[in-house]
Amino acid sequence: MDTVTRMLDDARGALAGAPKEGLGEERTSRWRGHRIVRVGEAWHLGVLLLTDEHALATAEVVRAADPGRRGYTAESARDRAERRALALKGGFAAGEVAHVGWSVIDVAAVDAGGASGPLAMIEGVPSVRWSTAGGFMPLEGYLRERIELLRG
């Protein structure tokens, strides 16, 4: 039986040398204020972030940028600009991607037949829910496709 652990280890090997993106966390201090700081890096594989040690579920993706001085037609646009500025303030370079709000996936629980984050064991097949509205698909094919896209 294939295990998620083996599939993710194989994926790490296939991704060696491929570009990684930054992992960020929100921090607040009296001296530096509110910001998004770098806490690591990972390969971005759709709904998964893969580090050298962990599998993570993606959440918010922010591209660091100066918010500039613009008028906003929507409050949501202003909020996105503020989030981009927080990443820039926290040390991400302009244009660099920061993944924020990610969560660690319990791979052992999935290998034991359960579920964690977007991963689940479905009738003995390691599977991934590729979107919140979508169903599950086999993890092996999903990883193969995402690795090809990242390396391509």
N, C-alpha and C. Protein backbone atom coordinates (compact mmCIF):
# COMPACT_ATOMS: atom_id res chain seq x y z
N MET A 1 0.83 -1.18 0.00
CA MET A 1 0.00 0.00 0.00
C MET A 1 0.88 1.25 0.00
N ASP A 2 0.52 2.21 -0.85
CA ASP A 2 1.24 3.47 -0.87
C ASP A 2 0.91 4.29 0.37
N THR A 3 1.90 4.99 0.86
CA THR A 3 1.67 5.86 2.01
C THR A 3 1.92 7.30 1.60
N VAL A 4 1.27 8.20 2.29
CA VAL A 4 1.47 9.62 2.06
C VAL A 4 2.93 9.98 2.36
N THR A 5 3.48 9.40 3.42
CA THR A 5 4.86 9.67 3.79
C THR A 5 5.80 9.35 2.64
N ARG A 6 5.64 8.19 2.03
CA ARG A 6 6.51 7.81 0.90
C ARG A 6 6.32 8.75 -0.27
N MET A 7 5.07 9.08 -0.59
CA MET A 7 4.79 9.97 -1.73
C MET A 7 5.40 11.35 -1.52
N LEU A 8 5.31 11.86 -0.31
CA LEU A 8 5.88 13.18 -0.04
C LEU A 8 7.40 13.15 -0.05
N ASP A 9 8.00 12.06 0.44
CA ASP A 9 9.45 11.92 0.37
C ASP A 9 9.92 11.85 -1.08
N ASP A 10 9.19 11.10 -1.91
CA ASP A 10 9.52 11.03 -3.35
C ASP A 10 9.38 12.41 -3.99
N ALA A 11 8.35 13.14 -3.61
CA ALA A 11 8.13 14.48 -4.16
C ALA A 11 9.29 15.40 -3.78
N ARG A 12 9.76 15.31 -2.55
CA ARG A 12 10.90 16.14 -2.13
C ARG A 12 12.12 15.86 -3.00
N GLY A 13 12.34 14.59 -3.29
CA GLY A 13 13.47 14.22 -4.15
C GLY A 13 13.31 14.79 -5.55
N ALA A 14 12.11 14.73 -6.09
CA ALA A 14 11.85 15.25 -7.43
C ALA A 14 11.93 16.77 -7.48
N LEU A 15 11.73 17.42 -6.36
CA LEU A 15 11.72 18.88 -6.30
C LEU A 15 13.09 19.49 -5.98
N ALA A 16 14.08 18.65 -5.72
CA ALA A 16 15.41 19.17 -5.37
C ALA A 16 15.86 20.17 -6.42
N GLY A 17 16.22 21.35 -5.96
CA GLY A 17 16.68 22.40 -6.86
C GLY A 17 15.58 23.29 -7.42
N ALA A 18 14.33 22.91 -7.23
CA ALA A 18 13.21 23.73 -7.70
C ALA A 18 13.01 24.92 -6.77
N PRO A 19 12.47 26.01 -7.28
CA PRO A 19 12.31 27.21 -6.43
C PRO A 19 11.30 27.00 -5.30
N LYS A 20 11.61 27.61 -4.16
CA LYS A 20 10.71 27.58 -3.01
C LYS A 20 10.14 28.99 -2.80
N GLU A 21 9.06 29.05 -2.04
CA GLU A 21 8.44 30.32 -1.69
C GLU A 21 8.48 30.48 -0.17
N GLY A 22 8.37 31.71 0.29
CA GLY A 22 8.50 32.02 1.71
C GLY A 22 7.28 31.64 2.53
N LEU A 23 7.53 31.19 3.75
CA LEU A 23 6.48 30.96 4.74
C LEU A 23 6.53 32.14 5.70
N GLY A 24 5.39 32.74 5.95
CA GLY A 24 5.36 33.89 6.84
C GLY A 24 4.42 33.69 8.01
N GLU A 25 4.68 34.42 9.07
CA GLU A 25 3.80 34.46 10.24
C GLU A 25 3.62 35.92 10.64
N GLU A 26 2.43 36.24 11.10
CA GLU A 26 2.18 37.59 11.59
C GLU A 26 2.79 37.74 12.96
N ARG A 27 3.45 38.85 13.17
CA ARG A 27 4.06 39.16 14.46
C ARG A 27 3.76 40.61 14.81
N THR A 28 3.67 40.87 16.08
CA THR A 28 3.48 42.23 16.56
C THR A 28 4.41 42.45 17.73
N SER A 29 5.10 43.57 17.70
CA SER A 29 5.95 43.94 18.83
C SER A 29 5.84 45.44 19.06
N ARG A 30 6.18 45.83 20.23
CA ARG A 30 6.12 47.25 20.57
C ARG A 30 7.07 48.05 19.68
N TRP A 31 8.22 47.50 19.37
CA TRP A 31 9.25 48.24 18.65
C TRP A 31 9.08 48.18 17.14
N ARG A 32 8.66 47.06 16.62
CA ARG A 32 8.60 46.90 15.16
C ARG A 32 7.19 46.94 14.62
N GLY A 33 6.19 46.92 15.48
CA GLY A 33 4.81 46.99 15.03
C GLY A 33 4.32 45.68 14.44
N HIS A 34 3.22 45.76 13.73
CA HIS A 34 2.60 44.59 13.11
C HIS A 34 3.28 44.34 11.76
N ARG A 35 3.63 43.07 11.49
CA ARG A 35 4.30 42.72 10.25
C ARG A 35 4.17 41.23 9.98
N ILE A 36 4.53 40.82 8.78
CA ILE A 36 4.59 39.40 8.41
C ILE A 36 6.06 39.06 8.22
N VAL A 37 6.58 38.15 9.05
CA VAL A 37 8.01 37.80 9.00
C VAL A 37 8.20 36.40 8.41
N ARG A 38 9.36 36.21 7.82
CA ARG A 38 9.71 34.91 7.23
C ARG A 38 10.05 33.92 8.34
N VAL A 39 9.45 32.72 8.24
CA VAL A 39 9.76 31.68 9.22
C VAL A 39 10.23 30.39 8.53
N GLY A 40 10.38 30.43 7.22
CA GLY A 40 10.84 29.26 6.49
C GLY A 40 10.52 29.39 5.02
N GLU A 41 10.64 28.27 4.33
CA GLU A 41 10.33 28.23 2.91
C GLU A 41 9.79 26.86 2.54
N ALA A 42 9.05 26.82 1.44
CA ALA A 42 8.42 25.57 1.03
C ALA A 42 8.19 25.58 -0.48
N TRP A 43 8.04 24.38 -1.01
CA TRP A 43 7.59 24.26 -2.39
C TRP A 43 6.07 24.40 -2.38
N HIS A 44 5.54 25.22 -3.27
CA HIS A 44 4.09 25.43 -3.35
C HIS A 44 3.52 24.48 -4.39
N LEU A 45 2.72 23.53 -3.91
CA LEU A 45 2.11 22.51 -4.77
C LEU A 45 0.59 22.60 -4.66
N GLY A 46 0.02 23.68 -5.15
CA GLY A 46 -1.42 23.85 -5.09
C GLY A 46 -1.91 24.05 -3.67
N VAL A 47 -2.70 23.10 -3.17
CA VAL A 47 -3.24 23.22 -1.81
C VAL A 47 -2.24 22.76 -0.75
N LEU A 48 -1.08 22.32 -1.20
CA LEU A 48 -0.04 21.84 -0.28
C LEU A 48 1.20 22.72 -0.35
N LEU A 49 1.85 22.86 0.78
CA LEU A 49 3.17 23.45 0.88
C LEU A 49 4.06 22.35 1.44
N LEU A 50 5.16 22.08 0.78
CA LEU A 50 6.03 20.99 1.20
C LEU A 50 7.38 21.55 1.62
N THR A 51 7.71 21.35 2.91
CA THR A 51 9.03 21.76 3.41
C THR A 51 9.90 20.51 3.47
N ASP A 52 11.14 20.69 3.92
CA ASP A 52 12.03 19.53 4.04
C ASP A 52 11.55 18.57 5.12
N GLU A 53 10.74 19.05 6.09
CA GLU A 53 10.29 18.19 7.18
C GLU A 53 8.78 17.97 7.24
N HIS A 54 7.99 18.91 6.75
CA HIS A 54 6.54 18.86 6.94
C HIS A 54 5.76 19.06 5.65
N ALA A 55 4.50 18.66 5.72
CA ALA A 55 3.52 19.02 4.70
C ALA A 55 2.58 20.01 5.36
N LEU A 56 2.26 21.08 4.66
CA LEU A 56 1.42 22.13 5.20
C LEU A 56 0.23 22.36 4.28
N ALA A 57 -0.87 22.78 4.85
CA ALA A 57 -2.04 23.18 4.06
C ALA A 57 -1.93 24.67 3.79
N THR A 58 -2.11 25.06 2.54
CA THR A 58 -2.02 26.47 2.20
C THR A 58 -3.20 27.24 2.76
N ALA A 59 -3.04 28.53 2.86
CA ALA A 59 -4.12 29.43 3.30
C ALA A 59 -4.00 30.70 2.46
N GLU A 60 -3.55 31.78 3.06
CA GLU A 60 -3.44 33.06 2.36
C GLU A 60 -2.09 33.16 1.64
N VAL A 61 -2.12 33.68 0.42
CA VAL A 61 -0.91 33.93 -0.35
C VAL A 61 -0.83 35.44 -0.57
N VAL A 62 0.30 36.02 -0.15
CA VAL A 62 0.50 37.47 -0.23
C VAL A 62 1.76 37.74 -1.03
N ARG A 63 1.70 38.70 -1.93
CA ARG A 63 2.90 39.13 -2.65
C ARG A 63 3.33 40.47 -2.06
N ALA A 64 4.52 40.52 -1.47
CA ALA A 64 5.01 41.72 -0.79
C ALA A 64 5.07 42.89 -1.76
N ALA A 65 4.53 44.03 -1.33
CA ALA A 65 4.54 45.22 -2.17
C ALA A 65 4.26 46.46 -1.35
N ASP A 66 4.74 47.58 -1.85
CA ASP A 66 4.43 48.88 -1.26
C ASP A 66 2.99 49.21 -1.64
N PRO A 67 2.15 49.56 -0.67
CA PRO A 67 0.75 49.83 -1.00
C PRO A 67 0.56 51.10 -1.82
N GLY A 68 1.57 51.96 -1.82
CA GLY A 68 1.47 53.20 -2.58
C GLY A 68 0.37 54.10 -2.06
N ARG A 69 0.09 55.13 -2.77
CA ARG A 69 -0.98 56.07 -2.42
C ARG A 69 -2.01 56.02 -3.53
N ARG A 70 -3.06 55.25 -3.32
CA ARG A 70 -4.10 55.13 -4.32
C ARG A 70 -5.46 55.21 -3.64
N GLY A 71 -6.42 55.51 -4.45
CA GLY A 71 -7.79 55.41 -3.98
C GLY A 71 -8.27 53.99 -4.21
N TYR A 72 -9.08 53.46 -3.33
CA TYR A 72 -9.58 52.11 -3.47
C TYR A 72 -11.09 52.15 -3.64
N THR A 73 -11.56 51.41 -4.63
CA THR A 73 -13.01 51.36 -4.85
C THR A 73 -13.67 50.38 -3.90
N ALA A 74 -12.88 49.50 -3.31
CA ALA A 74 -13.44 48.50 -2.39
C ALA A 74 -12.55 48.38 -1.16
N GLU A 75 -13.18 48.17 -0.04
CA GLU A 75 -12.43 47.98 1.21
C GLU A 75 -11.53 46.76 1.12
N SER A 76 -11.97 45.72 0.40
CA SER A 76 -11.16 44.50 0.27
C SER A 76 -9.84 44.80 -0.46
N ALA A 77 -9.86 45.71 -1.44
CA ALA A 77 -8.62 46.09 -2.13
C ALA A 77 -7.67 46.79 -1.17
N ARG A 78 -8.20 47.63 -0.31
CA ARG A 78 -7.38 48.31 0.69
C ARG A 78 -6.76 47.29 1.65
N ASP A 79 -7.56 46.31 2.07
CA ASP A 79 -7.08 45.27 2.99
C ASP A 79 -5.95 44.46 2.34
N ARG A 80 -6.11 44.08 1.07
CA ARG A 80 -5.05 43.33 0.38
C ARG A 80 -3.77 44.15 0.28
N ALA A 81 -3.90 45.43 -0.02
CA ALA A 81 -2.72 46.30 -0.10
C ALA A 81 -2.01 46.39 1.26
N GLU A 82 -2.78 46.46 2.32
CA GLU A 82 -2.19 46.51 3.66
C GLU A 82 -1.46 45.21 3.99
N ARG A 83 -2.03 44.07 3.58
CA ARG A 83 -1.38 42.78 3.82
C ARG A 83 -0.06 42.70 3.04
N ARG A 84 -0.06 43.17 1.81
CA ARG A 84 1.18 43.17 1.01
C ARG A 84 2.25 44.04 1.69
N ALA A 85 1.83 45.17 2.25
CA ALA A 85 2.76 46.06 2.94
C ALA A 85 3.32 45.41 4.21
N LEU A 86 2.51 44.64 4.92
CA LEU A 86 2.98 43.95 6.12
C LEU A 86 4.10 42.97 5.79
N ALA A 87 3.99 42.28 4.65
CA ALA A 87 5.04 41.35 4.24
C ALA A 87 6.32 42.11 3.90
N LEU A 88 6.17 43.23 3.21
CA LEU A 88 7.33 44.05 2.88
C LEU A 88 8.00 44.57 4.16
N LYS A 89 7.20 45.02 5.10
CA LYS A 89 7.70 45.53 6.38
C LYS A 89 8.41 44.44 7.18
N GLY A 90 7.95 43.19 7.04
CA GLY A 90 8.53 42.08 7.78
C GLY A 90 9.78 41.49 7.17
N GLY A 91 10.21 42.01 6.02
CA GLY A 91 11.48 41.54 5.45
C GLY A 91 11.38 40.81 4.13
N PHE A 92 10.18 40.58 3.62
CA PHE A 92 10.07 39.97 2.30
C PHE A 92 10.41 41.04 1.25
N ALA A 93 11.09 40.65 0.20
CA ALA A 93 11.45 41.58 -0.87
C ALA A 93 10.21 41.91 -1.70
N ALA A 94 10.20 43.08 -2.29
CA ALA A 94 9.08 43.48 -3.15
C ALA A 94 8.88 42.43 -4.25
N GLY A 95 7.65 41.98 -4.40
CA GLY A 95 7.31 40.97 -5.40
C GLY A 95 7.43 39.54 -4.91
N GLU A 96 8.04 39.33 -3.76
CA GLU A 96 8.23 37.99 -3.22
C GLU A 96 6.94 37.47 -2.60
N VAL A 97 6.70 36.18 -2.76
CA VAL A 97 5.49 35.55 -2.23
C VAL A 97 5.69 35.13 -0.78
N ALA A 98 4.67 35.37 0.03
CA ALA A 98 4.66 34.94 1.43
C ALA A 98 3.37 34.16 1.67
N HIS A 99 3.51 32.94 2.15
CA HIS A 99 2.34 32.13 2.53
C HIS A 99 2.08 32.35 4.01
N VAL A 100 0.86 32.75 4.34
CA VAL A 100 0.50 33.09 5.72
C VAL A 100 -0.72 32.28 6.13
N GLY A 101 -0.78 31.89 7.39
CA GLY A 101 -1.96 31.18 7.90
C GLY A 101 -1.96 29.69 7.58
N TRP A 102 -0.88 29.16 7.09
CA TRP A 102 -0.76 27.73 6.77
C TRP A 102 -0.87 26.91 8.05
N SER A 103 -1.17 25.63 7.88
CA SER A 103 -1.25 24.73 9.05
C SER A 103 -0.55 23.42 8.72
N VAL A 104 0.05 22.82 9.74
CA VAL A 104 0.78 21.56 9.56
C VAL A 104 -0.21 20.42 9.39
N ILE A 105 0.05 19.57 8.41
CA ILE A 105 -0.78 18.39 8.15
C ILE A 105 -0.21 17.21 8.94
N ASP A 106 -1.07 16.46 9.59
CA ASP A 106 -0.65 15.28 10.34
C ASP A 106 -0.59 14.09 9.38
N VAL A 107 0.56 13.93 8.76
CA VAL A 107 0.74 12.89 7.74
C VAL A 107 0.56 11.49 8.35
N ALA A 108 1.01 11.28 9.57
CA ALA A 108 0.87 9.98 10.22
C ALA A 108 -0.61 9.62 10.38
N ALA A 109 -1.44 10.59 10.70
CA ALA A 109 -2.88 10.33 10.85
C ALA A 109 -3.49 9.91 9.52
N VAL A 110 -3.04 10.51 8.44
CA VAL A 110 -3.56 10.14 7.11
C VAL A 110 -3.08 8.73 6.75
N ASP A 111 -1.80 8.45 7.01
CA ASP A 111 -1.27 7.10 6.74
C ASP A 111 -2.01 6.04 7.55
N ALA A 112 -2.52 6.42 8.72
CA ALA A 112 -3.27 5.48 9.57
C ALA A 112 -4.72 5.33 9.14
N GLY A 113 -5.10 6.00 8.06
CA GLY A 113 -6.47 5.85 7.55
C GLY A 113 -7.38 7.03 7.80
N GLY A 114 -6.85 8.08 8.39
CA GLY A 114 -7.67 9.24 8.72
C GLY A 114 -7.53 10.37 7.72
N ALA A 115 -7.71 11.57 8.21
CA ALA A 115 -7.62 12.76 7.38
C ALA A 115 -6.97 13.88 8.17
N SER A 116 -6.33 14.79 7.46
CA SER A 116 -5.74 15.98 8.06
C SER A 116 -5.59 17.02 6.96
N GLY A 117 -6.12 18.22 7.21
CA GLY A 117 -6.06 19.26 6.18
C GLY A 117 -6.72 18.77 4.91
N PRO A 118 -6.08 18.99 3.76
CA PRO A 118 -6.67 18.56 2.50
C PRO A 118 -6.38 17.09 2.15
N LEU A 119 -5.65 16.38 3.01
CA LEU A 119 -5.29 14.98 2.72
C LEU A 119 -6.19 14.02 3.48
N ALA A 120 -6.47 12.88 2.85
CA ALA A 120 -7.27 11.82 3.48
C ALA A 120 -6.96 10.50 2.81
N MET A 121 -7.17 9.44 3.55
CA MET A 121 -7.06 8.09 2.99
C MET A 121 -8.48 7.69 2.59
N ILE A 122 -8.72 7.54 1.29
CA ILE A 122 -10.04 7.21 0.77
C ILE A 122 -9.97 5.79 0.18
N GLU A 123 -10.64 4.86 0.84
CA GLU A 123 -10.63 3.45 0.40
C GLU A 123 -9.22 2.94 0.13
N GLY A 124 -8.31 3.28 1.06
CA GLY A 124 -6.94 2.81 0.97
C GLY A 124 -6.05 3.58 0.01
N VAL A 125 -6.57 4.65 -0.60
CA VAL A 125 -5.80 5.44 -1.56
C VAL A 125 -5.52 6.82 -0.96
N PRO A 126 -4.23 7.19 -0.82
CA PRO A 126 -3.92 8.54 -0.35
C PRO A 126 -4.51 9.55 -1.34
N SER A 127 -5.30 10.48 -0.82
CA SER A 127 -6.03 11.40 -1.68
C SER A 127 -5.91 12.83 -1.17
N VAL A 128 -6.21 13.76 -2.08
CA VAL A 128 -6.13 15.18 -1.76
C VAL A 128 -7.41 15.87 -2.24
N ARG A 129 -7.92 16.76 -1.41
CA ARG A 129 -9.05 17.61 -1.83
C ARG A 129 -8.40 18.85 -2.43
N TRP A 130 -8.46 18.97 -3.73
CA TRP A 130 -7.73 20.01 -4.45
C TRP A 130 -8.40 21.38 -4.41
N SER A 131 -9.64 21.45 -3.95
CA SER A 131 -10.29 22.74 -3.72
C SER A 131 -11.36 22.54 -2.65
N THR A 132 -11.76 23.62 -2.01
CA THR A 132 -12.75 23.48 -0.95
C THR A 132 -14.07 22.97 -1.47
N ALA A 133 -14.39 23.26 -2.71
CA ALA A 133 -15.66 22.80 -3.30
C ALA A 133 -15.49 21.49 -4.05
N GLY A 134 -14.25 21.11 -4.34
CA GLY A 134 -13.99 19.92 -5.15
C GLY A 134 -13.97 18.65 -4.33
N GLY A 135 -13.95 17.55 -5.03
CA GLY A 135 -13.86 16.25 -4.38
C GLY A 135 -12.41 15.85 -4.20
N PHE A 136 -12.22 14.61 -3.81
CA PHE A 136 -10.87 14.09 -3.63
C PHE A 136 -10.36 13.48 -4.92
N MET A 137 -9.06 13.55 -5.11
CA MET A 137 -8.40 12.86 -6.22
C MET A 137 -7.17 12.17 -5.66
N PRO A 138 -6.67 11.14 -6.34
CA PRO A 138 -5.47 10.44 -5.85
C PRO A 138 -4.29 11.40 -5.70
N LEU A 139 -3.62 11.33 -4.57
CA LEU A 139 -2.50 12.21 -4.27
C LEU A 139 -1.35 12.01 -5.25
N GLU A 140 -1.09 10.79 -5.64
CA GLU A 140 0.06 10.51 -6.51
C GLU A 140 -0.03 11.29 -7.82
N GLY A 141 -1.17 11.26 -8.47
CA GLY A 141 -1.35 12.00 -9.73
C GLY A 141 -1.29 13.51 -9.51
N TYR A 142 -1.89 13.95 -8.41
CA TYR A 142 -1.88 15.38 -8.08
C TYR A 142 -0.45 15.88 -7.91
N LEU A 143 0.36 15.14 -7.13
CA LEU A 143 1.74 15.55 -6.91
C LEU A 143 2.53 15.55 -8.22
N ARG A 144 2.35 14.53 -9.03
CA ARG A 144 3.06 14.43 -10.31
C ARG A 144 2.77 15.67 -11.17
N GLU A 145 1.48 16.02 -11.27
CA GLU A 145 1.07 17.18 -12.07
C GLU A 145 1.65 18.48 -11.51
N ARG A 146 1.56 18.66 -10.21
CA ARG A 146 2.04 19.90 -9.59
C ARG A 146 3.56 20.03 -9.68
N ILE A 147 4.27 18.92 -9.55
CA ILE A 147 5.73 18.95 -9.67
C ILE A 147 6.12 19.33 -11.09
N GLU A 148 5.44 18.77 -12.09
CA GLU A 148 5.72 19.12 -13.48
C GLU A 148 5.49 20.61 -13.73
N LEU A 149 4.41 21.16 -13.18
CA LEU A 149 4.13 22.58 -13.34
C LEU A 149 5.20 23.44 -12.68
N LEU A 150 5.63 23.05 -11.50
CA LEU A 150 6.64 23.83 -10.79
C LEU A 150 8.00 23.75 -11.47
N ARG A 151 8.34 22.60 -11.96
CA ARG A 151 9.66 22.41 -12.59
C ARG A 151 9.67 22.93 -14.02
N GLY A 152 8.48 23.00 -14.64
CA GLY A 152 8.36 23.39 -16.06
C GLY A 152 8.67 24.80 -16.26
